[in-house]
């Protein structure tokens, strides 16, 4: 009987320790009373309640610099729920630490920001700003503009942003490779499914 109680307590402890720590946006961003939260890059989705943290460039997207209202982060699941204040839609990102190779807290800190769209696009050449807002990556675009357009590439495929090649999913079957030279996209390759 004592062994059963010990195993039950051990199991309960493991379950409780394995649960995600809920992230409080206002604490993470050291948010002041009237400060707002925005998207750091275009957040792509086909289903607003089942958004992939890989940010697969398919379907619609919430534009970079869109004001959001954080609703909840998972204590019992790896979900980030928020409201797009421009449309009133509720969205839910299904976070995967295995694909992103980071914690939920780190993911939230680079997916959301206290900077609005004008601040985020300030260093982007005017000719490229419209492309960022439309969700288009083109040759000649610098790394910062690509990050605002597609977000950070999945770390499971591009673990280091200093690499000259970044890999993104356009769909579950369609993978693209962006090749950089001197901070500029030189080539966009559709490499299909096998890398």
C-alpha atoms as a PDB file:
ATOM      1  CA  UNK A   1       0.000   0.000   0.000  1.00  0.00           C
ATOM      2  CA  UNK A   2       2.833   2.368   0.875  1.00  0.00           C
ATOM      3  CA  UNK A   3       4.460   1.625  -2.487  1.00  0.00           C
ATOM      4  CA  UNK A   4       1.200   2.442  -4.308  1.00  0.00           C
ATOM      5  CA  UNK A   5       0.911   5.799  -2.497  1.00  0.00           C
ATOM      6  CA  UNK A   6       4.522   6.592  -3.326  1.00  0.00           C
ATOM      7  CA  UNK A   7       4.014   5.778  -7.021  1.00  0.00           C
ATOM      8  CA  UNK A   8       0.796   7.823  -7.102  1.00  0.00           C
ATOM      9  CA  UNK A   9       2.550  10.810  -5.504  1.00  0.00           C
ATOM     10  CA  UNK A  10       5.511  10.429  -7.864  1.00  0.00           C
ATOM     11  CA  UNK A  11       3.217  10.295 -10.906  1.00  0.00           C
ATOM     12  CA  UNK A  12       1.266  13.352  -9.712  1.00  0.00           C
ATOM     13  CA  UNK A  13       4.524  15.230  -9.152  1.00  0.00           C
ATOM     14  CA  UNK A  14       5.782  14.378 -12.629  1.00  0.00           C
ATOM     15  CA  UNK A  15       2.501  15.474 -14.187  1.00  0.00           C
ATOM     16  CA  UNK A  16       2.547  18.787 -12.314  1.00  0.00           C
ATOM     17  CA  UNK A  17       6.208  19.478 -13.141  1.00  0.00           C
ATOM     18  CA  UNK A  18       5.692  18.634 -16.799  1.00  0.00           C
ATOM     19  CA  UNK A  19       2.904  21.152 -17.268  1.00  0.00           C
ATOM     20  CA  UNK A  20       3.624  24.389 -19.042  1.00  0.00           C
ATOM     21  CA  UNK A  21       4.057  27.472 -16.949  1.00  0.00           C
ATOM     22  CA  UNK A  22       1.406  29.977 -18.029  1.00  0.00           C
ATOM     23  CA  UNK A  23       3.065  33.038 -19.511  1.00  0.00           C
ATOM     24  CA  UNK A  24       1.679  36.387 -18.422  1.00  0.00           C
ATOM     25  CA  UNK A  25       2.162  38.806 -21.334  1.00  0.00           C
ATOM     26  CA  UNK A  26       2.228  41.941 -19.177  1.00  0.00           C
ATOM     27  CA  UNK A  27       5.030  40.481 -17.057  1.00  0.00           C
ATOM     28  CA  UNK A  28       6.983  39.149 -20.028  1.00  0.00           C
ATOM     29  CA  UNK A  29       6.922  42.503 -21.838  1.00  0.00           C
ATOM     30  CA  UNK A  30       7.151  44.626 -18.662  1.00  0.00           C
ATOM     31  CA  UNK A  31       4.030  46.255 -20.051  1.00  0.00           C
ATOM     32  CA  UNK A  32       2.998  49.648 -18.693  1.00  0.00           C
ATOM     33  CA  UNK A  33      -0.672  50.425 -18.044  1.00  0.00           C
ATOM     34  CA  UNK A  34      -1.613  51.804 -21.484  1.00  0.00           C
ATOM     35  CA  UNK A  35       0.980  49.939 -23.536  1.00  0.00           C
ATOM     36  CA  UNK A  36      -0.362  47.711 -26.312  1.00  0.00           C
ATOM     37  CA  UNK A  37       0.766  44.337 -27.686  1.00  0.00           C
ATOM     38  CA  UNK A  38       1.223  43.711 -31.426  1.00  0.00           C
ATOM     39  CA  UNK A  39       2.284  40.880 -33.725  1.00  0.00           C
ATOM     40  CA  UNK A  40       6.039  40.926 -34.474  1.00  0.00           C
ATOM     41  CA  UNK A  41       5.580  39.395 -37.924  1.00  0.00           C
ATOM     42  CA  UNK A  42       2.842  38.110 -40.238  1.00  0.00           C
ATOM     43  CA  UNK A  43       1.119  35.167 -38.513  1.00  0.00           C
ATOM     44  CA  UNK A  44      -0.155  32.717 -41.138  1.00  0.00           C
ATOM     45  CA  UNK A  45      -3.071  30.311 -40.681  1.00  0.00           C
ATOM     46  CA  UNK A  46      -5.744  28.245 -42.403  1.00  0.00           C
ATOM     47  CA  UNK A  47      -7.792  27.788 -39.211  1.00  0.00           C
ATOM     48  CA  UNK A  48      -7.672  30.668 -36.692  1.00  0.00           C
ATOM     49  CA  UNK A  49      -8.234  28.282 -33.770  1.00  0.00           C
ATOM     50  CA  UNK A  50      -5.539  25.839 -34.887  1.00  0.00           C
ATOM     51  CA  UNK A  51      -2.540  27.943 -35.911  1.00  0.00           C
ATOM     52  CA  UNK A  52       0.780  26.111 -36.189  1.00  0.00           C
ATOM     53  CA  UNK A  53       3.774  27.621 -34.379  1.00  0.00           C
ATOM     54  CA  UNK A  54       5.791  26.728 -37.505  1.00  0.00           C
ATOM     55  CA  UNK A  55       3.947  29.649 -39.156  1.00  0.00           C
ATOM     56  CA  UNK A  56       3.374  27.737 -42.418  1.00  0.00           C
ATOM     57  CA  UNK A  57       2.871  30.391 -45.135  1.00  0.00           C
ATOM     58  CA  UNK A  58      -0.541  29.207 -46.273  1.00  0.00           C
ATOM     59  CA  UNK A  59      -4.045  30.659 -46.163  1.00  0.00           C
ATOM     60  CA  UNK A  60      -4.639  34.026 -44.511  1.00  0.00           C
ATOM     61  CA  UNK A  61      -2.416  35.963 -42.156  1.00  0.00           C
ATOM     62  CA  UNK A  62      -2.591  38.496 -39.373  1.00  0.00           C
ATOM     63  CA  UNK A  63      -0.385  41.362 -40.605  1.00  0.00           C
ATOM     64  CA  UNK A  64       2.808  42.395 -38.856  1.00  0.00           C
ATOM     65  CA  UNK A  65       2.130  45.072 -36.246  1.00  0.00           C
ATOM     66  CA  UNK A  66      -1.525  44.123 -35.677  1.00  0.00           C
ATOM     67  CA  UNK A  67      -2.761  44.980 -32.184  1.00  0.00           C
ATOM     68  CA  UNK A  68      -3.814  41.928 -30.195  1.00  0.00           C
ATOM     69  CA  UNK A  69      -5.319  41.201 -26.812  1.00  0.00           C
ATOM     70  CA  UNK A  70      -3.692  38.237 -25.039  1.00  0.00           C
ATOM     71  CA  UNK A  71      -6.370  35.888 -23.675  1.00  0.00           C
ATOM     72  CA  UNK A  72      -4.519  32.904 -22.223  1.00  0.00           C
ATOM     73  CA  UNK A  73      -1.481  30.685 -22.387  1.00  0.00           C
ATOM     74  CA  UNK A  74      -1.589  27.017 -21.595  1.00  0.00           C
ATOM     75  CA  UNK A  75      -1.027  25.706 -18.140  1.00  0.00           C
ATOM     76  CA  UNK A  76      -2.342  22.306 -19.199  1.00  0.00           C
ATOM     77  CA  UNK A  77      -1.614  22.618 -22.913  1.00  0.00           C
ATOM     78  CA  UNK A  78       0.762  24.448 -25.202  1.00  0.00           C
ATOM     79  CA  UNK A  79      -1.744  26.933 -26.590  1.00  0.00           C
ATOM     80  CA  UNK A  80      -1.532  30.691 -26.926  1.00  0.00           C
ATOM     81  CA  UNK A  81      -4.957  32.308 -27.275  1.00  0.00           C
ATOM     82  CA  UNK A  82      -5.392  35.921 -28.323  1.00  0.00           C
ATOM     83  CA  UNK A  83      -7.831  38.253 -30.037  1.00  0.00           C
ATOM     84  CA  UNK A  84      -7.001  40.197 -33.202  1.00  0.00           C
ATOM     85  CA  UNK A  85      -8.372  43.627 -32.262  1.00  0.00           C
ATOM     86  CA  UNK A  86      -8.662  44.719 -35.917  1.00  0.00           C
ATOM     87  CA  UNK A  87     -11.134  41.921 -36.729  1.00  0.00           C
ATOM     88  CA  UNK A  88     -12.366  40.750 -33.325  1.00  0.00           C
ATOM     89  CA  UNK A  89     -11.399  37.147 -34.224  1.00  0.00           C
ATOM     90  CA  UNK A  90     -10.060  34.777 -31.583  1.00  0.00           C
ATOM     91  CA  UNK A  91      -6.878  32.911 -32.582  1.00  0.00           C
ATOM     92  CA  UNK A  92      -5.061  29.993 -30.999  1.00  0.00           C
ATOM     93  CA  UNK A  93      -1.440  29.088 -31.751  1.00  0.00           C
ATOM     94  CA  UNK A  94      -0.533  25.454 -31.031  1.00  0.00           C
ATOM     95  CA  UNK A  95       3.021  25.800 -29.764  1.00  0.00           C
ATOM     96  CA  UNK A  96       5.557  23.019 -30.374  1.00  0.00           C
ATOM     97  CA  UNK A  97       8.845  23.312 -28.499  1.00  0.00           C
ATOM     98  CA  UNK A  98      10.173  20.377 -30.559  1.00  0.00           C
ATOM     99  CA  UNK A  99       9.825  22.348 -33.802  1.00  0.00           C
ATOM    100  CA  UNK A 100      10.742  25.757 -32.423  1.00  0.00           C
ATOM    101  CA  UNK A 101      13.527  24.508 -30.093  1.00  0.00           C
ATOM    102  CA  UNK A 102      12.609  27.112 -27.497  1.00  0.00           C
ATOM    103  CA  UNK A 103      10.245  27.591 -24.576  1.00  0.00           C
ATOM    104  CA  UNK A 104       6.763  29.034 -24.903  1.00  0.00           C
ATOM    105  CA  UNK A 105       8.001  32.132 -23.082  1.00  0.00           C
ATOM    106  CA  UNK A 106      10.779  32.650 -25.669  1.00  0.00           C
ATOM    107  CA  UNK A 107       8.351  31.996 -28.532  1.00  0.00           C
ATOM    108  CA  UNK A 108       5.895  34.592 -27.214  1.00  0.00           C
ATOM    109  CA  UNK A 109       8.689  37.135 -26.710  1.00  0.00           C
ATOM    110  CA  UNK A 110       9.653  37.035 -30.399  1.00  0.00           C
ATOM    111  CA  UNK A 111       6.135  36.506 -31.815  1.00  0.00           C
ATOM    112  CA  UNK A 112       4.603  39.510 -30.064  1.00  0.00           C
ATOM    113  CA  UNK A 113       5.974  42.957 -29.269  1.00  0.00           C
ATOM    114  CA  UNK A 114       5.099  46.368 -27.874  1.00  0.00           C
ATOM    115  CA  UNK A 115       6.095  48.014 -31.208  1.00  0.00           C
ATOM    116  CA  UNK A 116       3.380  48.937 -33.701  1.00  0.00           C
ATOM    117  CA  UNK A 117       3.586  48.399 -37.465  1.00  0.00           C
ATOM    118  CA  UNK A 118       5.160  51.801 -38.185  1.00  0.00           C
ATOM    119  CA  UNK A 119       7.924  51.136 -35.654  1.00  0.00           C
ATOM    120  CA  UNK A 120       8.530  47.602 -36.956  1.00  0.00           C
ATOM    121  CA  UNK A 121       8.744  48.755 -40.596  1.00  0.00           C
ATOM    122  CA  UNK A 122      10.771  51.920 -39.900  1.00  0.00           C
ATOM    123  CA  UNK A 123      14.118  50.439 -41.065  1.00  0.00           C
ATOM    124  CA  UNK A 124      12.659  48.637 -44.089  1.00  0.00           C
ATOM    125  CA  UNK A 125      13.096  50.367 -47.472  1.00  0.00           C
ATOM    126  CA  UNK A 126       9.791  51.880 -48.593  1.00  0.00           C
ATOM    127  CA  UNK A 127       9.701  49.735 -51.746  1.00  0.00           C
ATOM    128  CA  UNK A 128       9.810  46.589 -49.594  1.00  0.00           C
ATOM    129  CA  UNK A 129       7.321  47.715 -46.921  1.00  0.00           C
ATOM    130  CA  UNK A 130       4.303  47.030 -49.156  1.00  0.00           C
ATOM    131  CA  UNK A 131       5.637  43.538 -49.918  1.00  0.00           C
ATOM    132  CA  UNK A 132       6.069  42.796 -46.204  1.00  0.00           C
ATOM    133  CA  UNK A 133       2.484  43.867 -45.511  1.00  0.00           C
ATOM    134  CA  UNK A 134       1.247  41.715 -48.451  1.00  0.00           C
ATOM    135  CA  UNK A 135       3.228  38.700 -47.168  1.00  0.00           C
ATOM    136  CA  UNK A 136       5.590  38.502 -50.149  1.00  0.00           C
ATOM    137  CA  UNK A 137       9.278  37.615 -49.985  1.00  0.00           C
ATOM    138  CA  UNK A 138      11.256  38.582 -53.091  1.00  0.00           C
ATOM    139  CA  UNK A 139      14.916  38.613 -54.150  1.00  0.00           C
ATOM    140  CA  UNK A 140      16.674  41.713 -52.843  1.00  0.00           C
ATOM    141  CA  UNK A 141      14.734  41.706 -49.564  1.00  0.00           C
ATOM    142  CA  UNK A 142      16.933  41.955 -46.468  1.00  0.00           C
ATOM    143  CA  UNK A 143      16.842  39.517 -43.532  1.00  0.00           C
ATOM    144  CA  UNK A 144      14.850  41.856 -41.288  1.00  0.00           C
ATOM    145  CA  UNK A 145      12.143  42.258 -43.950  1.00  0.00           C
ATOM    146  CA  UNK A 146      11.989  38.459 -44.373  1.00  0.00           C
ATOM    147  CA  UNK A 147      11.592  38.030 -40.598  1.00  0.00           C
ATOM    148  CA  UNK A 148       8.693  40.511 -40.593  1.00  0.00           C
ATOM    149  CA  UNK A 149       7.081  38.767 -43.583  1.00  0.00           C
ATOM    150  CA  UNK A 150       7.514  35.062 -42.769  1.00  0.00           C
ATOM    151  CA  UNK A 151       8.673  35.170 -39.162  1.00  0.00           C
ATOM    152  CA  UNK A 152      11.693  33.259 -37.908  1.00  0.00           C
ATOM    153  CA  UNK A 153      12.262  30.017 -39.818  1.00  0.00           C
ATOM    154  CA  UNK A 154      11.518  26.830 -37.853  1.00  0.00           C
ATOM    155  CA  UNK A 155      14.596  26.078 -35.747  1.00  0.00           C
ATOM    156  CA  UNK A 156      14.267  22.353 -36.491  1.00  0.00           C
ATOM    157  CA  UNK A 157      15.234  23.191 -40.117  1.00  0.00           C
ATOM    158  CA  UNK A 158      17.193  26.448 -39.646  1.00  0.00           C
ATOM    159  CA  UNK A 159      18.762  26.349 -36.182  1.00  0.00           C
ATOM    160  CA  UNK A 160      21.021  29.368 -36.758  1.00  0.00           C
ATOM    161  CA  UNK A 161      19.866  32.574 -38.478  1.00  0.00           C
ATOM    162  CA  UNK A 162      23.489  33.310 -39.392  1.00  0.00           C
ATOM    163  CA  UNK A 163      23.256  30.506 -41.962  1.00  0.00           C
ATOM    164  CA  UNK A 164      23.064  31.676 -45.552  1.00  0.00           C
ATOM    165  CA  UNK A 165      19.997  29.509 -46.125  1.00  0.00           C
ATOM    166  CA  UNK A 166      16.646  29.625 -44.326  1.00  0.00           C
ATOM    167  CA  UNK A 167      13.991  26.949 -44.803  1.00  0.00           C
ATOM    168  CA  UNK A 168      10.234  27.552 -44.542  1.00  0.00           C
ATOM    169  CA  UNK A 169       7.099  25.508 -45.129  1.00  0.00           C
ATOM    170  CA  UNK A 170       4.609  26.951 -47.645  1.00  0.00           C
ATOM    171  CA  UNK A 171       2.323  23.947 -46.997  1.00  0.00           C
ATOM    172  CA  UNK A 172       2.719  20.430 -45.610  1.00  0.00           C
ATOM    173  CA  UNK A 173       4.151  19.338 -49.008  1.00  0.00           C
ATOM    174  CA  UNK A 174       5.792  22.538 -50.213  1.00  0.00           C
ATOM    175  CA  UNK A 175       9.114  23.643 -48.724  1.00  0.00           C
ATOM    176  CA  UNK A 176      11.080  26.688 -49.830  1.00  0.00           C
ATOM    177  CA  UNK A 177      14.688  27.619 -49.275  1.00  0.00           C
ATOM    178  CA  UNK A 178      15.715  31.272 -49.119  1.00  0.00           C
ATOM    179  CA  UNK A 179      19.363  31.817 -49.999  1.00  0.00           C
ATOM    180  CA  UNK A 180      21.012  34.971 -48.641  1.00  0.00           C
ATOM    181  CA  UNK A 181      24.156  36.765 -49.671  1.00  0.00           C
ATOM    182  CA  UNK A 182      25.279  39.877 -47.777  1.00  0.00           C
ATOM    183  CA  UNK A 183      21.957  40.161 -45.899  1.00  0.00           C
ATOM    184  CA  UNK A 184      19.858  39.990 -49.091  1.00  0.00           C
ATOM    185  CA  UNK A 185      17.699  37.221 -50.555  1.00  0.00           C
ATOM    186  CA  UNK A 186      19.399  36.154 -53.782  1.00  0.00           C
ATOM    187  CA  UNK A 187      17.452  32.986 -54.563  1.00  0.00           C
ATOM    188  CA  UNK A 188      14.106  31.467 -53.604  1.00  0.00           C
ATOM    189  CA  UNK A 189      14.041  27.726 -54.290  1.00  0.00           C
ATOM    190  CA  UNK A 190      10.956  25.550 -54.145  1.00  0.00           C
ATOM    191  CA  UNK A 191      12.560  22.319 -52.991  1.00  0.00           C
ATOM    192  CA  UNK A 192       9.416  20.273 -52.456  1.00  0.00           C
ATOM    193  CA  UNK A 193       9.066  17.838 -49.587  1.00  0.00           C
ATOM    194  CA  UNK A 194      12.466  16.159 -49.375  1.00  0.00           C
ATOM    195  CA  UNK A 195      15.429  18.009 -47.938  1.00  0.00           C
END
